[in-house]
């Protein structure tokens, strides 16, 4: 199905775009292109050196995603009319994202706008995953009964999925605030800061930094507990179990990368990998939110029980 392939392509391109965008702040390239437009130093294709490579490369990648979204929206209008408003909403998110990016440059990186710019990208990424799930093979065009139906009946266990997804999103918001308040290296002591979990009379960047550290521990405990609980409850559902199985490895990797980010004084490849781990963890939990339901065991199954194929094939 063409719209399904395009939704997956747009989601993959957005993941890459997020990684490219993740290089801009650590390299200090946020204002390498002073114009709040599609051009950089008066050219659409300037010399891609220094900070321009990261900043304008991010803009060009964003333009590509925008074009993909236009095509996807048209496909949804023509082939999946029940999804046309979701397609328009996704296109609107792209426009909002571009506007926030322009405001960020024009007003020299205001923190609130920069954080909103990043979080809009995460919401857009989640929207594309949702679109791919709704138009996956096996769901007939025009079907509207899949909106809140997953493939795996977890009963009350699904509360763990919702809690874990919310905790991951909150931690991502904290990470965005750390990034855009310049608090990434507010404390370089490990594991505590000056021997304390929260030093007395700490300035705001240090408070934000330590809250993100504590949030990382809380996120790890909650998500690993949730993943184990879901893994046990999702017997026979290979996709959900594989997603749950990936969570502990992602958490360990993410915490390790976070520590290395501080230890290496924010070495760009490691900082970007840490950011990418957050994107991946968000995608995994959002996929589990979509592919599970809290319907009572034995309830009649519908189209939602068909394989999702969003991330890993072989759902039962």
C-alpha atoms as a PDB file:
ATOM      1  CA  UNK A   1       0.000   0.000   0.000  1.00  0.00           C
ATOM      2  CA  UNK A   2       1.499   3.249  -1.168  1.00  0.00           C
ATOM      3  CA  UNK A   3       0.288   5.392   1.725  1.00  0.00           C
ATOM      4  CA  UNK A   4       1.675   2.861   4.224  1.00  0.00           C
ATOM      5  CA  UNK A   5       5.079   2.881   2.548  1.00  0.00           C
ATOM      6  CA  UNK A   6       5.094   6.677   2.459  1.00  0.00           C
ATOM      7  CA  UNK A   7       4.134   6.898   6.133  1.00  0.00           C
ATOM      8  CA  UNK A   8       7.038   4.603   7.042  1.00  0.00           C
ATOM      9  CA  UNK A   9       9.377   6.580   4.786  1.00  0.00           C
ATOM     10  CA  UNK A  10       8.292   9.869   6.355  1.00  0.00           C
ATOM     11  CA  UNK A  11       8.729   8.413   9.860  1.00  0.00           C
ATOM     12  CA  UNK A  12      12.221   7.135   9.007  1.00  0.00           C
ATOM     13  CA  UNK A  13      13.142  10.487   7.445  1.00  0.00           C
ATOM     14  CA  UNK A  14      11.873  12.279  10.554  1.00  0.00           C
ATOM     15  CA  UNK A  15      14.017  10.037  12.767  1.00  0.00           C
ATOM     16  CA  UNK A  16      17.053  10.997  10.672  1.00  0.00           C
ATOM     17  CA  UNK A  17      15.983  14.653  10.806  1.00  0.00           C
ATOM     18  CA  UNK A  18      15.847  14.487  14.600  1.00  0.00           C
ATOM     19  CA  UNK A  19      19.372  13.083  14.698  1.00  0.00           C
ATOM     20  CA  UNK A  20      20.615  15.797  12.342  1.00  0.00           C
ATOM     21  CA  UNK A  21      18.881  18.412  14.469  1.00  0.00           C
ATOM     22  CA  UNK A  22      20.511  16.818  17.503  1.00  0.00           C
ATOM     23  CA  UNK A  23      23.926  17.842  16.150  1.00  0.00           C
ATOM     24  CA  UNK A  24      23.095  21.540  15.892  1.00  0.00           C
ATOM     25  CA  UNK A  25      23.086  22.483  19.579  1.00  0.00           C
ATOM     26  CA  UNK A  26      26.118  20.431  20.747  1.00  0.00           C
ATOM     27  CA  UNK A  27      28.242  21.898  17.940  1.00  0.00           C
ATOM     28  CA  UNK A  28      27.155  25.470  18.750  1.00  0.00           C
ATOM     29  CA  UNK A  29      25.711  25.863  15.250  1.00  0.00           C
ATOM     30  CA  UNK A  30      22.222  27.098  16.126  1.00  0.00           C
ATOM     31  CA  UNK A  31      22.863  30.598  14.722  1.00  0.00           C
ATOM     32  CA  UNK A  32      25.318  29.642  11.978  1.00  0.00           C
ATOM     33  CA  UNK A  33      22.693  30.795   9.477  1.00  0.00           C
ATOM     34  CA  UNK A  34      21.374  34.197  10.611  1.00  0.00           C
ATOM     35  CA  UNK A  35      18.325  34.272   8.312  1.00  0.00           C
ATOM     36  CA  UNK A  36      15.058  32.845   9.713  1.00  0.00           C
ATOM     37  CA  UNK A  37      14.223  31.514   6.245  1.00  0.00           C
ATOM     38  CA  UNK A  38      15.180  28.615   3.992  1.00  0.00           C
ATOM     39  CA  UNK A  39      18.352  30.340   2.816  1.00  0.00           C
ATOM     40  CA  UNK A  40      21.689  30.661   4.585  1.00  0.00           C
ATOM     41  CA  UNK A  41      23.887  33.699   3.982  1.00  0.00           C
ATOM     42  CA  UNK A  42      21.717  34.495   0.977  1.00  0.00           C
ATOM     43  CA  UNK A  43      21.991  31.070  -0.676  1.00  0.00           C
ATOM     44  CA  UNK A  44      19.810  27.988  -0.687  1.00  0.00           C
ATOM     45  CA  UNK A  45      22.948  25.890  -1.107  1.00  0.00           C
ATOM     46  CA  UNK A  46      25.789  27.771   0.633  1.00  0.00           C
ATOM     47  CA  UNK A  47      29.237  26.364   1.288  1.00  0.00           C
ATOM     48  CA  UNK A  48      28.513  23.531   3.702  1.00  0.00           C
ATOM     49  CA  UNK A  49      31.392  24.056   6.102  1.00  0.00           C
ATOM     50  CA  UNK A  50      31.648  24.628   9.839  1.00  0.00           C
ATOM     51  CA  UNK A  51      28.408  25.376  11.622  1.00  0.00           C
ATOM     52  CA  UNK A  52      26.600  25.911   8.305  1.00  0.00           C
ATOM     53  CA  UNK A  53      26.956  22.186   7.609  1.00  0.00           C
ATOM     54  CA  UNK A  54      24.954  21.321  10.726  1.00  0.00           C
ATOM     55  CA  UNK A  55      22.452  24.175  10.777  1.00  0.00           C
ATOM     56  CA  UNK A  56      21.647  24.397   7.071  1.00  0.00           C
ATOM     57  CA  UNK A  57      21.905  20.637   6.694  1.00  0.00           C
ATOM     58  CA  UNK A  58      19.155  20.478   9.304  1.00  0.00           C
ATOM     59  CA  UNK A  59      17.068  22.939   7.296  1.00  0.00           C
ATOM     60  CA  UNK A  60      17.504  20.985   4.063  1.00  0.00           C
ATOM     61  CA  UNK A  61      16.548  17.758   5.824  1.00  0.00           C
ATOM     62  CA  UNK A  62      13.469  19.518   7.237  1.00  0.00           C
ATOM     63  CA  UNK A  63      12.511  20.643   3.732  1.00  0.00           C
ATOM     64  CA  UNK A  64      12.732  17.020   2.569  1.00  0.00           C
ATOM     65  CA  UNK A  65      10.467  15.842   5.380  1.00  0.00           C
ATOM     66  CA  UNK A  66       8.037  18.640   4.558  1.00  0.00           C
ATOM     67  CA  UNK A  67       7.822  17.502   0.931  1.00  0.00           C
ATOM     68  CA  UNK A  68       7.264  13.900   2.038  1.00  0.00           C
ATOM     69  CA  UNK A  69       4.479  15.050   4.325  1.00  0.00           C
ATOM     70  CA  UNK A  70       2.762  16.939   1.516  1.00  0.00           C
ATOM     71  CA  UNK A  71       2.769  13.785  -0.610  1.00  0.00           C
ATOM     72  CA  UNK A  72       1.541  11.683   2.323  1.00  0.00           C
ATOM     73  CA  UNK A  73      -1.288  14.117   3.043  1.00  0.00           C
ATOM     74  CA  UNK A  74      -2.398  14.002  -0.607  1.00  0.00           C
ATOM     75  CA  UNK A  75      -2.289  10.192  -0.562  1.00  0.00           C
ATOM     76  CA  UNK A  76      -4.400  10.072   2.581  1.00  0.00           C
ATOM     77  CA  UNK A  77      -6.942  12.448   1.058  1.00  0.00           C
ATOM     78  CA  UNK A  78      -7.225  10.330  -2.078  1.00  0.00           C
ATOM     79  CA  UNK A  79      -6.920   6.802  -0.688  1.00  0.00           C
ATOM     80  CA  UNK A  80      -7.774   6.954   3.021  1.00  0.00           C
ATOM     81  CA  UNK A  81     -10.453   9.550   3.459  1.00  0.00           C
ATOM     82  CA  UNK A  82     -11.049   8.543   7.097  1.00  0.00           C
ATOM     83  CA  UNK A  83      -7.469   9.692   7.724  1.00  0.00           C
ATOM     84  CA  UNK A  84      -7.620  13.008   5.903  1.00  0.00           C
ATOM     85  CA  UNK A  85      -7.835  15.130   9.068  1.00  0.00           C
ATOM     86  CA  UNK A  86      -4.912  13.283  10.616  1.00  0.00           C
ATOM     87  CA  UNK A  87      -2.950  13.936   7.419  1.00  0.00           C
ATOM     88  CA  UNK A  88      -3.825  17.622   7.586  1.00  0.00           C
ATOM     89  CA  UNK A  89      -2.893  17.700  11.261  1.00  0.00           C
ATOM     90  CA  UNK A  90       0.515  16.216  10.494  1.00  0.00           C
ATOM     91  CA  UNK A  91       1.051  18.805   7.758  1.00  0.00           C
ATOM     92  CA  UNK A  92       0.051  21.540  10.203  1.00  0.00           C
ATOM     93  CA  UNK A  93       2.622  20.225  12.684  1.00  0.00           C
ATOM     94  CA  UNK A  94       5.296  20.548   9.989  1.00  0.00           C
ATOM     95  CA  UNK A  95       4.243  24.160   9.396  1.00  0.00           C
ATOM     96  CA  UNK A  96       4.255  24.895  13.133  1.00  0.00           C
ATOM     97  CA  UNK A  97       7.663  23.262  13.434  1.00  0.00           C
ATOM     98  CA  UNK A  98       9.080  25.415  10.634  1.00  0.00           C
ATOM     99  CA  UNK A  99       7.591  28.558  12.175  1.00  0.00           C
ATOM    100  CA  UNK A 100       9.061  27.773  15.598  1.00  0.00           C
ATOM    101  CA  UNK A 101      12.432  27.149  13.967  1.00  0.00           C
ATOM    102  CA  UNK A 102      12.294  30.534  12.253  1.00  0.00           C
ATOM    103  CA  UNK A 103      11.295  32.276  15.504  1.00  0.00           C
ATOM    104  CA  UNK A 104      14.145  30.514  17.298  1.00  0.00           C
ATOM    105  CA  UNK A 105      16.676  32.004  14.877  1.00  0.00           C
ATOM    106  CA  UNK A 106      15.066  35.435  14.610  1.00  0.00           C
ATOM    107  CA  UNK A 107      14.961  35.990  18.380  1.00  0.00           C
ATOM    108  CA  UNK A 108      18.354  34.363  19.103  1.00  0.00           C
ATOM    109  CA  UNK A 109      17.342  31.060  20.709  1.00  0.00           C
ATOM    110  CA  UNK A 110      14.655  31.903  23.304  1.00  0.00           C
ATOM    111  CA  UNK A 111      14.487  28.883  25.596  1.00  0.00           C
ATOM    112  CA  UNK A 112      10.713  28.387  25.566  1.00  0.00           C
ATOM    113  CA  UNK A 113      10.529  28.501  21.773  1.00  0.00           C
ATOM    114  CA  UNK A 114      13.540  26.220  21.357  1.00  0.00           C
ATOM    115  CA  UNK A 115      12.026  23.640  23.699  1.00  0.00           C
ATOM    116  CA  UNK A 116       8.661  23.899  21.927  1.00  0.00           C
ATOM    117  CA  UNK A 117      10.446  23.439  18.587  1.00  0.00           C
ATOM    118  CA  UNK A 118      12.022  20.195  19.787  1.00  0.00           C
ATOM    119  CA  UNK A 119       8.886  18.813  21.428  1.00  0.00           C
ATOM    120  CA  UNK A 120       6.813  19.516  18.324  1.00  0.00           C
ATOM    121  CA  UNK A 121       9.254  17.316  16.421  1.00  0.00           C
ATOM    122  CA  UNK A 122       8.659  14.451  18.865  1.00  0.00           C
ATOM    123  CA  UNK A 123       4.886  14.869  18.579  1.00  0.00           C
ATOM    124  CA  UNK A 124       5.129  14.888  14.793  1.00  0.00           C
ATOM    125  CA  UNK A 125       7.246  11.719  14.878  1.00  0.00           C
ATOM    126  CA  UNK A 126       4.579  10.044  17.023  1.00  0.00           C
ATOM    127  CA  UNK A 127       1.877  11.207  14.597  1.00  0.00           C
ATOM    128  CA  UNK A 128       3.654   9.547  11.682  1.00  0.00           C
ATOM    129  CA  UNK A 129       3.935   6.288  13.622  1.00  0.00           C
ATOM    130  CA  UNK A 130       0.205   6.527  14.313  1.00  0.00           C
ATOM    131  CA  UNK A 131      -0.568   7.102  10.639  1.00  0.00           C
ATOM    132  CA  UNK A 132       1.558   4.104   9.625  1.00  0.00           C
ATOM    133  CA  UNK A 133      -0.270   1.978  12.190  1.00  0.00           C
ATOM    134  CA  UNK A 134      -3.694   3.079  10.976  1.00  0.00           C
ATOM    135  CA  UNK A 135      -2.989   2.431   7.285  1.00  0.00           C
ATOM    136  CA  UNK A 136      -1.004  -0.799   7.774  1.00  0.00           C
ATOM    137  CA  UNK A 137      -1.762  -3.783   5.527  1.00  0.00           C
ATOM    138  CA  UNK A 138      -4.886  -5.638   6.612  1.00  0.00           C
ATOM    139  CA  UNK A 139      -6.850  -2.571   7.686  1.00  0.00           C
ATOM    140  CA  UNK A 140      -9.442  -1.868   5.039  1.00  0.00           C
ATOM    141  CA  UNK A 141      -9.760   1.709   3.737  1.00  0.00           C
ATOM    142  CA  UNK A 142     -12.642   3.450   5.443  1.00  0.00           C
ATOM    143  CA  UNK A 143     -12.380   1.386   8.642  1.00  0.00           C
ATOM    144  CA  UNK A 144     -12.892   3.544  11.694  1.00  0.00           C
ATOM    145  CA  UNK A 145     -13.015   0.907  14.416  1.00  0.00           C
ATOM    146  CA  UNK A 146      -9.243   0.722  14.853  1.00  0.00           C
ATOM    147  CA  UNK A 147      -8.758   4.091  16.519  1.00  0.00           C
ATOM    148  CA  UNK A 148      -8.425   2.766  20.046  1.00  0.00           C
ATOM    149  CA  UNK A 149      -7.940  -0.923  19.364  1.00  0.00           C
ATOM    150  CA  UNK A 150      -4.590  -2.646  19.698  1.00  0.00           C
ATOM    151  CA  UNK A 151      -3.438  -6.110  18.775  1.00  0.00           C
ATOM    152  CA  UNK A 152      -2.690  -7.279  22.303  1.00  0.00           C
ATOM    153  CA  UNK A 153      -5.222  -7.427  25.125  1.00  0.00           C
ATOM    154  CA  UNK A 154      -3.326  -6.587  28.318  1.00  0.00           C
ATOM    155  CA  UNK A 155      -6.257  -5.744  30.543  1.00  0.00           C
ATOM    156  CA  UNK A 156      -5.163  -3.672  33.549  1.00  0.00           C
ATOM    157  CA  UNK A 157      -1.508  -4.291  32.674  1.00  0.00           C
ATOM    158  CA  UNK A 158      -1.827  -1.721  29.909  1.00  0.00           C
ATOM    159  CA  UNK A 159      -1.747   0.971  32.588  1.00  0.00           C
ATOM    160  CA  UNK A 160       1.962   0.231  32.835  1.00  0.00           C
ATOM    161  CA  UNK A 161       2.334   1.034  29.132  1.00  0.00           C
ATOM    162  CA  UNK A 162       0.555   4.367  29.516  1.00  0.00           C
ATOM    163  CA  UNK A 163       2.534   5.311  32.632  1.00  0.00           C
ATOM    164  CA  UNK A 164       5.855   4.368  31.019  1.00  0.00           C
ATOM    165  CA  UNK A 165       5.015   6.331  27.870  1.00  0.00           C
ATOM    166  CA  UNK A 166       4.137   9.392  29.945  1.00  0.00           C
ATOM    167  CA  UNK A 167       7.308   9.111  32.044  1.00  0.00           C
ATOM    168  CA  UNK A 168       9.488   8.826  28.928  1.00  0.00           C
ATOM    169  CA  UNK A 169       7.847  11.911  27.422  1.00  0.00           C
ATOM    170  CA  UNK A 170       8.346  13.881  30.660  1.00  0.00           C
ATOM    171  CA  UNK A 171      12.020  12.894  30.725  1.00  0.00           C
ATOM    172  CA  UNK A 172      12.385  14.007  27.103  1.00  0.00           C
ATOM    173  CA  UNK A 173      10.896  17.394  28.025  1.00  0.00           C
ATOM    174  CA  UNK A 174      13.420  17.672  30.873  1.00  0.00           C
ATOM    175  CA  UNK A 175      16.206  16.761  28.457  1.00  0.00           C
ATOM    176  CA  UNK A 176      15.033  19.455  26.056  1.00  0.00           C
ATOM    177  CA  UNK A 177      15.143  22.039  28.840  1.00  0.00           C
ATOM    178  CA  UNK A 178      18.652  20.893  29.794  1.00  0.00           C
ATOM    179  CA  UNK A 179      19.776  21.215  26.181  1.00  0.00           C
ATOM    180  CA  UNK A 180      18.324  24.666  25.600  1.00  0.00           C
ATOM    181  CA  UNK A 181      19.274  26.232  28.933  1.00  0.00           C
ATOM    182  CA  UNK A 182      22.912  25.263  28.457  1.00  0.00           C
ATOM    183  CA  UNK A 183      22.711  22.984  31.491  1.00  0.00           C
ATOM    184  CA  UNK A 184      24.212  19.864  29.919  1.00  0.00           C
ATOM    185  CA  UNK A 185      27.505  20.393  31.755  1.00  0.00           C
ATOM    186  CA  UNK A 186      26.195  22.369  34.723  1.00  0.00           C
ATOM    187  CA  UNK A 187      27.775  19.706  36.914  1.00  0.00           C
ATOM    188  CA  UNK A 188      30.541  17.363  35.787  1.00  0.00           C
ATOM    189  CA  UNK A 189      30.800  15.375  39.027  1.00  0.00           C
ATOM    190  CA  UNK A 190      29.509  11.800  38.937  1.00  0.00           C
ATOM    191  CA  UNK A 191      27.272  10.374  40.247  1.00  0.00           C
ATOM    192  CA  UNK A 192      26.422  13.229  42.649  1.00  0.00           C
ATOM    193  CA  UNK A 193      27.193  16.932  42.343  1.00  0.00           C
ATOM    194  CA  UNK A 194      29.645  18.234  44.918  1.00  0.00           C
ATOM    195  CA  UNK A 195      28.732  15.230  47.047  1.00  0.00           C
ATOM    196  CA  UNK A 196      25.046  16.094  47.057  1.00  0.00           C
ATOM    197  CA  UNK A 197      21.980  15.061  45.093  1.00  0.00           C
ATOM    198  CA  UNK A 198      20.927  18.712  44.933  1.00  0.00           C
ATOM    199  CA  UNK A 199      23.480  21.248  46.207  1.00  0.00           C
ATOM    200  CA  UNK A 200      22.144  24.049  48.406  1.00  0.00           C
ATOM    201  CA  UNK A 201      21.463  27.359  46.662  1.00  0.00           C
ATOM    202  CA  UNK A 202      22.029  25.722  43.290  1.00  0.00           C
ATOM    203  CA  UNK A 203      21.503  27.992  40.244  1.00  0.00           C
ATOM    204  CA  UNK A 204      18.692  27.117  37.841  1.00  0.00           C
ATOM    205  CA  UNK A 205      20.870  25.318  35.232  1.00  0.00           C
ATOM    206  CA  UNK A 206      22.265  23.049  37.947  1.00  0.00           C
ATOM    207  CA  UNK A 207      18.773  22.340  39.289  1.00  0.00           C
ATOM    208  CA  UNK A 208      17.552  21.419  35.813  1.00  0.00           C
ATOM    209  CA  UNK A 209      20.618  19.264  35.203  1.00  0.00           C
ATOM    210  CA  UNK A 210      20.209  17.294  38.436  1.00  0.00           C
ATOM    211  CA  UNK A 211      16.463  16.911  37.914  1.00  0.00           C
ATOM    212  CA  UNK A 212      17.250  15.332  34.548  1.00  0.00           C
ATOM    213  CA  UNK A 213      19.696  12.937  36.214  1.00  0.00           C
ATOM    214  CA  UNK A 214      17.112  11.963  38.826  1.00  0.00           C
ATOM    215  CA  UNK A 215      14.504  11.707  36.093  1.00  0.00           C
ATOM    216  CA  UNK A 216      16.760   9.284  34.268  1.00  0.00           C
ATOM    217  CA  UNK A 217      16.858   6.973  37.285  1.00  0.00           C
ATOM    218  CA  UNK A 218      13.077   7.182  37.749  1.00  0.00           C
ATOM    219  CA  UNK A 219      12.508   6.593  34.040  1.00  0.00           C
ATOM    220  CA  UNK A 220      14.787   3.569  34.111  1.00  0.00           C
ATOM    221  CA  UNK A 221      13.023   1.986  37.097  1.00  0.00           C
ATOM    222  CA  UNK A 222       9.511   2.655  35.778  1.00  0.00           C
ATOM    223  CA  UNK A 223      10.120   1.597  32.181  1.00  0.00           C
ATOM    224  CA  UNK A 224      12.057  -1.566  33.012  1.00  0.00           C
ATOM    225  CA  UNK A 225       9.365  -2.592  35.510  1.00  0.00           C
ATOM    226  CA  UNK A 226       6.687  -1.828  32.924  1.00  0.00           C
ATOM    227  CA  UNK A 227       8.552  -3.731  30.220  1.00  0.00           C
ATOM    228  CA  UNK A 228       8.892  -6.847  32.385  1.00  0.00           C
ATOM    229  CA  UNK A 229       5.210  -6.682  33.326  1.00  0.00           C
ATOM    230  CA  UNK A 230       4.130  -6.249  29.700  1.00  0.00           C
ATOM    231  CA  UNK A 231       6.457  -9.013  28.505  1.00  0.00           C
ATOM    232  CA  UNK A 232       4.844 -11.468  30.917  1.00  0.00           C
ATOM    233  CA  UNK A 233       1.298 -10.392  30.066  1.00  0.00           C
ATOM    234  CA  UNK A 234       1.737 -10.349  26.263  1.00  0.00           C
ATOM    235  CA  UNK A 235       2.159 -14.091  25.782  1.00  0.00           C
ATOM    236  CA  UNK A 236       1.679 -15.015  22.132  1.00  0.00           C
ATOM    237  CA  UNK A 237       2.129 -11.468  20.833  1.00  0.00           C
ATOM    238  CA  UNK A 238       5.613 -11.397  19.363  1.00  0.00           C
ATOM    239  CA  UNK A 239       5.757  -7.736  18.340  1.00  0.00           C
ATOM    240  CA  UNK A 240       4.772  -6.420  21.768  1.00  0.00           C
ATOM    241  CA  UNK A 241       7.104  -8.837  23.576  1.00  0.00           C
ATOM    242  CA  UNK A 242      10.033  -7.882  21.356  1.00  0.00           C
ATOM    243  CA  UNK A 243       9.391  -4.204  21.940  1.00  0.00           C
ATOM    244  CA  UNK A 244       9.223  -4.818  25.694  1.00  0.00           C
ATOM    245  CA  UNK A 245      12.393  -6.895  25.557  1.00  0.00           C
ATOM    246  CA  UNK A 246      14.256  -4.013  23.884  1.00  0.00           C
ATOM    247  CA  UNK A 247      13.451  -1.555  26.680  1.00  0.00           C
ATOM    248  CA  UNK A 248      15.987  -2.702  29.342  1.00  0.00           C
ATOM    249  CA  UNK A 249      18.795  -2.665  26.773  1.00  0.00           C
ATOM    250  CA  UNK A 250      17.792   0.817  25.611  1.00  0.00           C
ATOM    251  CA  UNK A 251      17.659   2.094  29.189  1.00  0.00           C
ATOM    252  CA  UNK A 252      21.105   0.742  30.050  1.00  0.00           C
ATOM    253  CA  UNK A 253      22.504   2.178  26.824  1.00  0.00           C
ATOM    254  CA  UNK A 254      20.792   5.523  27.410  1.00  0.00           C
ATOM    255  CA  UNK A 255      22.092   5.907  30.966  1.00  0.00           C
ATOM    256  CA  UNK A 256      25.578   4.903  29.831  1.00  0.00           C
ATOM    257  CA  UNK A 257      25.514   7.474  27.034  1.00  0.00           C
ATOM    258  CA  UNK A 258      24.257  10.122  29.456  1.00  0.00           C
ATOM    259  CA  UNK A 259      27.163   9.474  31.802  1.00  0.00           C
ATOM    260  CA  UNK A 260      29.613   9.461  28.894  1.00  0.00           C
ATOM    261  CA  UNK A 261      28.184  12.772  27.673  1.00  0.00           C
ATOM    262  CA  UNK A 262      29.263  14.343  30.960  1.00  0.00           C
ATOM    263  CA  UNK A 263      32.519  12.399  31.236  1.00  0.00           C
ATOM    264  CA  UNK A 264      33.619  13.447  27.711  1.00  0.00           C
ATOM    265  CA  UNK A 265      32.415  17.036  28.232  1.00  0.00           C
ATOM    266  CA  UNK A 266      29.647  16.584  25.691  1.00  0.00           C
ATOM    267  CA  UNK A 267      31.602  14.991  22.853  1.00  0.00           C
ATOM    268  CA  UNK A 268      29.269  15.509  19.900  1.00  0.00           C
ATOM    269  CA  UNK A 269      28.873  11.891  18.629  1.00  0.00           C
ATOM    270  CA  UNK A 270      28.068  10.688  22.135  1.00  0.00           C
ATOM    271  CA  UNK A 271      25.671  13.574  22.828  1.00  0.00           C
ATOM    272  CA  UNK A 272      23.858  12.865  19.549  1.00  0.00           C
ATOM    273  CA  UNK A 273      23.736   9.132  20.313  1.00  0.00           C
ATOM    274  CA  UNK A 274      22.220   9.943  23.732  1.00  0.00           C
ATOM    275  CA  UNK A 275      19.622  12.115  22.024  1.00  0.00           C
ATOM    276  CA  UNK A 276      18.918   9.367  19.471  1.00  0.00           C
ATOM    277  CA  UNK A 277      18.423   6.880  22.300  1.00  0.00           C
ATOM    278  CA  UNK A 278      15.705   9.117  23.693  1.00  0.00           C
ATOM    279  CA  UNK A 279      13.991   9.269  20.306  1.00  0.00           C
ATOM    280  CA  UNK A 280      14.145   5.482  19.991  1.00  0.00           C
ATOM    281  CA  UNK A 281      12.785   4.897  23.496  1.00  0.00           C
ATOM    282  CA  UNK A 282       9.920   7.289  22.794  1.00  0.00           C
ATOM    283  CA  UNK A 283       9.120   5.469  19.539  1.00  0.00           C
ATOM    284  CA  UNK A 284       9.153   2.056  21.254  1.00  0.00           C
ATOM    285  CA  UNK A 285       6.741   3.061  24.018  1.00  0.00           C
ATOM    286  CA  UNK A 286       4.476   4.953  21.657  1.00  0.00           C
ATOM    287  CA  UNK A 287       4.321   1.863  19.410  1.00  0.00           C
ATOM    288  CA  UNK A 288       3.400  -0.240  22.439  1.00  0.00           C
ATOM    289  CA  UNK A 289       0.679   2.258  23.336  1.00  0.00           C
ATOM    290  CA  UNK A 290      -0.816   1.841  19.877  1.00  0.00           C
ATOM    291  CA  UNK A 291      -0.498  -1.922  19.651  1.00  0.00           C
ATOM    292  CA  UNK A 292      -2.000  -2.772  23.019  1.00  0.00           C
ATOM    293  CA  UNK A 293      -5.449  -2.405  24.514  1.00  0.00           C
ATOM    294  CA  UNK A 294      -7.052  -2.739  27.915  1.00  0.00           C
ATOM    295  CA  UNK A 295     -10.044  -4.708  26.674  1.00  0.00           C
ATOM    296  CA  UNK A 296     -11.037  -7.529  29.003  1.00  0.00           C
ATOM    297  CA  UNK A 297      -9.557 -10.920  28.188  1.00  0.00           C
ATOM    298  CA  UNK A 298     -11.836 -12.836  25.869  1.00  0.00           C
ATOM    299  CA  UNK A 299     -13.319  -9.709  24.301  1.00  0.00           C
ATOM    300  CA  UNK A 300     -14.072  -9.960  20.631  1.00  0.00           C
ATOM    301  CA  UNK A 301     -11.038  -9.175  18.508  1.00  0.00           C
ATOM    302  CA  UNK A 302     -11.206  -6.827  15.564  1.00  0.00           C
ATOM    303  CA  UNK A 303      -8.937  -5.413  12.913  1.00  0.00           C
ATOM    304  CA  UNK A 304      -6.551  -4.204  15.590  1.00  0.00           C
ATOM    305  CA  UNK A 305      -5.389  -7.784  16.160  1.00  0.00           C
ATOM    306  CA  UNK A 306      -3.726  -7.865  12.762  1.00  0.00           C
ATOM    307  CA  UNK A 307       0.094  -7.526  12.624  1.00  0.00           C
ATOM    308  CA  UNK A 308       1.259  -3.947  12.952  1.00  0.00           C
ATOM    309  CA  UNK A 309       4.591  -4.287  11.125  1.00  0.00           C
ATOM    310  CA  UNK A 310       5.545  -0.876  12.515  1.00  0.00           C
ATOM    311  CA  UNK A 311       8.872  -1.905  13.874  1.00  0.00           C
ATOM    312  CA  UNK A 312       9.252  -5.658  13.972  1.00  0.00           C
ATOM    313  CA  UNK A 313       7.479  -8.177  11.820  1.00  0.00           C
ATOM    314  CA  UNK A 314       5.915 -11.332  13.112  1.00  0.00           C
ATOM    315  CA  UNK A 315       3.085 -10.129  15.349  1.00  0.00           C
ATOM    316  CA  UNK A 316       0.681 -12.931  16.166  1.00  0.00           C
END
